[in-house]
């Protein structure tokens, strides 16, 4: 019998502090639409204050 690797879900990161966050409906924030017009799924910790400008994440 061979072991089949189980894929772990890709972690979500807080759009304000860039720490891992649970992708729940309570943590979902809508910050606009992507260039393609799709609604992005963005998550933030409830206790993270929203910055004036959202930092651009690089290479994840």
N, C-alpha and C. Protein backbone atom coordinates (compact mmCIF):
# COMPACT_ATOMS: atom_id res chain seq x y z
N UNK A 1 0.85 -1.17 0.00
CA UNK A 1 0.00 0.00 0.00
C UNK A 1 0.90 1.24 0.00
N UNK A 2 0.58 2.20 -0.85
CA UNK A 2 1.37 3.42 -0.93
C UNK A 2 0.64 4.56 -0.24
N UNK A 3 1.43 5.44 0.32
CA UNK A 3 0.85 6.62 0.96
C UNK A 3 0.61 7.69 -0.09
N UNK A 4 -0.60 8.20 -0.13
CA UNK A 4 -0.94 9.28 -1.05
C UNK A 4 -0.89 10.57 -0.26
N UNK A 5 -0.07 11.52 -0.71
CA UNK A 5 0.01 12.79 0.05
C UNK A 5 -1.32 13.54 -0.01
N UNK A 6 -1.68 14.09 1.13
CA UNK A 6 -2.92 14.88 1.23
C UNK A 6 -2.55 16.34 1.09
N UNK A 7 -3.21 17.02 0.15
CA UNK A 7 -2.94 18.45 -0.04
C UNK A 7 -3.61 19.25 1.06
N UNK A 8 -2.83 20.12 1.66
CA UNK A 8 -3.36 21.03 2.67
C UNK A 8 -3.91 22.26 1.96
N UNK A 9 -4.98 22.85 2.47
CA UNK A 9 -5.51 24.07 1.84
C UNK A 9 -4.48 25.20 1.91
N UNK A 10 -4.50 26.05 0.92
CA UNK A 10 -3.59 27.20 0.89
C UNK A 10 -4.02 28.16 1.98
N UNK A 11 -3.09 28.58 2.84
CA UNK A 11 -3.47 29.49 3.93
C UNK A 11 -3.84 30.87 3.40
N UNK A 12 -4.75 31.51 4.08
CA UNK A 12 -5.11 32.89 3.77
C UNK A 12 -4.33 33.79 4.70
N UNK A 13 -4.03 35.00 4.23
CA UNK A 13 -3.27 35.96 5.02
C UNK A 13 -4.09 37.23 5.18
N UNK A 14 -3.99 37.83 6.34
CA UNK A 14 -4.69 39.07 6.64
C UNK A 14 -4.19 40.17 5.69
N UNK A 15 -5.11 40.90 5.08
CA UNK A 15 -4.72 41.96 4.15
C UNK A 15 -4.14 43.17 4.86
N UNK A 16 -4.29 43.25 6.19
CA UNK A 16 -3.77 44.38 6.92
C UNK A 16 -2.43 44.10 7.60
N UNK A 17 -2.27 42.89 8.19
CA UNK A 17 -1.04 42.61 8.94
C UNK A 17 -0.21 41.49 8.32
N UNK A 18 -0.73 40.80 7.33
CA UNK A 18 -0.04 39.73 6.60
C UNK A 18 0.27 38.50 7.45
N UNK A 19 -0.48 38.33 8.56
CA UNK A 19 -0.38 37.10 9.36
C UNK A 19 -1.45 36.13 8.88
N UNK A 20 -1.28 34.83 9.09
CA UNK A 20 -2.31 33.87 8.70
C UNK A 20 -3.64 34.18 9.40
N UNK A 21 -4.73 33.96 8.68
CA UNK A 21 -6.07 34.23 9.21
C UNK A 21 -7.02 33.13 8.73
N UNK A 22 -8.00 32.79 9.56
CA UNK A 22 -9.01 31.80 9.18
C UNK A 22 -9.92 32.39 8.11
N UNK A 23 -10.15 31.66 7.02
CA UNK A 23 -11.05 32.17 5.98
C UNK A 23 -12.52 31.91 6.34
N UNK A 24 -13.06 32.70 7.25
CA UNK A 24 -14.45 32.57 7.66
C UNK A 24 -15.24 33.78 7.18
N UNK A 25 -16.54 33.67 7.21
CA UNK A 25 -17.39 34.78 6.76
C UNK A 25 -17.22 36.00 7.67
N UNK A 26 -16.87 35.79 8.95
CA UNK A 26 -16.65 36.92 9.87
C UNK A 26 -15.38 37.68 9.52
N UNK A 27 -14.42 37.02 8.89
CA UNK A 27 -13.15 37.64 8.56
C UNK A 27 -13.09 38.15 7.12
N UNK A 28 -14.13 37.94 6.35
CA UNK A 28 -14.16 38.36 4.95
C UNK A 28 -14.32 39.87 4.84
N UNK A 29 -13.49 40.50 4.05
CA UNK A 29 -13.60 41.93 3.80
C UNK A 29 -13.64 42.15 2.29
N UNK A 30 -14.41 43.11 1.87
CA UNK A 30 -14.47 43.45 0.45
C UNK A 30 -13.80 44.79 0.25
N UNK A 31 -12.71 44.78 -0.49
CA UNK A 31 -11.95 46.00 -0.69
C UNK A 31 -12.02 46.49 -2.12
N UNK A 32 -12.94 45.96 -2.89
CA UNK A 32 -13.06 46.36 -4.29
C UNK A 32 -13.01 45.15 -5.19
N UNK A 33 -12.85 45.41 -6.45
CA UNK A 33 -12.85 44.33 -7.43
C UNK A 33 -11.48 44.23 -8.09
N UNK A 34 -11.14 43.03 -8.53
CA UNK A 34 -9.87 42.84 -9.23
C UNK A 34 -9.98 43.36 -10.65
N UNK A 35 -8.88 43.44 -11.34
CA UNK A 35 -8.86 43.96 -12.71
C UNK A 35 -9.73 43.13 -13.64
N UNK A 36 -9.87 41.84 -13.36
CA UNK A 36 -10.68 40.97 -14.22
C UNK A 36 -12.17 41.13 -13.93
N UNK A 37 -12.51 41.82 -12.86
CA UNK A 37 -13.91 42.00 -12.50
C UNK A 37 -14.41 40.95 -11.52
N UNK A 38 -13.57 39.98 -11.20
CA UNK A 38 -13.97 38.95 -10.25
C UNK A 38 -13.91 39.52 -8.83
N UNK A 39 -14.73 38.98 -7.96
CA UNK A 39 -14.71 39.41 -6.57
C UNK A 39 -13.63 38.64 -5.83
N UNK A 40 -12.58 39.30 -5.38
CA UNK A 40 -11.53 38.59 -4.67
C UNK A 40 -11.96 38.20 -3.25
N UNK A 41 -11.46 37.10 -2.79
CA UNK A 41 -11.70 36.71 -1.40
C UNK A 41 -10.54 37.23 -0.58
N UNK A 42 -10.81 38.22 0.23
CA UNK A 42 -9.80 38.82 1.08
C UNK A 42 -10.25 38.71 2.53
N UNK A 43 -9.31 38.40 3.40
CA UNK A 43 -9.64 38.18 4.80
C UNK A 43 -8.77 39.06 5.69
N UNK A 44 -9.32 39.44 6.83
CA UNK A 44 -8.60 40.26 7.81
C UNK A 44 -9.05 39.86 9.20
N UNK A 45 -8.14 40.02 10.16
CA UNK A 45 -8.50 39.79 11.56
C UNK A 45 -9.47 40.87 12.00
N UNK A 46 -10.48 40.54 12.78
CA UNK A 46 -11.44 41.55 13.25
C UNK A 46 -10.79 42.65 14.08
N UNK A 47 -9.67 42.34 14.75
CA UNK A 47 -9.03 43.34 15.61
C UNK A 47 -7.93 44.14 14.90
N UNK A 48 -7.69 43.87 13.62
CA UNK A 48 -6.68 44.64 12.87
C UNK A 48 -7.31 45.94 12.36
N UNK A 49 -6.71 47.08 12.71
CA UNK A 49 -7.25 48.34 12.18
C UNK A 49 -6.92 48.46 10.69
N UNK A 50 -7.85 48.94 9.93
CA UNK A 50 -7.65 49.10 8.49
C UNK A 50 -6.68 50.26 8.25
N UNK A 51 -5.61 50.02 7.51
CA UNK A 51 -4.68 51.11 7.21
C UNK A 51 -5.27 52.03 6.16
N UNK A 52 -4.67 53.19 5.99
CA UNK A 52 -5.13 54.12 4.96
C UNK A 52 -4.87 53.55 3.57
N UNK A 53 -3.75 52.85 3.41
CA UNK A 53 -3.40 52.24 2.14
C UNK A 53 -3.05 50.78 2.40
N UNK A 54 -3.59 49.88 1.60
CA UNK A 54 -3.33 48.45 1.78
C UNK A 54 -1.94 48.13 1.22
N UNK A 55 -1.08 47.49 2.03
CA UNK A 55 0.25 47.15 1.54
C UNK A 55 0.18 46.11 0.42
N UNK A 56 1.06 46.24 -0.54
CA UNK A 56 1.13 45.28 -1.64
C UNK A 56 2.00 44.11 -1.22
N UNK A 57 1.43 42.91 -1.23
CA UNK A 57 2.21 41.73 -0.87
C UNK A 57 3.01 41.30 -2.10
N UNK A 58 4.17 40.77 -1.84
CA UNK A 58 5.01 40.32 -2.94
C UNK A 58 5.26 38.84 -2.82
N UNK A 59 5.20 38.16 -3.94
CA UNK A 59 5.56 36.75 -4.09
C UNK A 59 5.19 35.79 -3.00
N UNK A 60 4.00 35.36 -2.99
CA UNK A 60 3.58 34.27 -2.08
C UNK A 60 3.10 33.15 -2.91
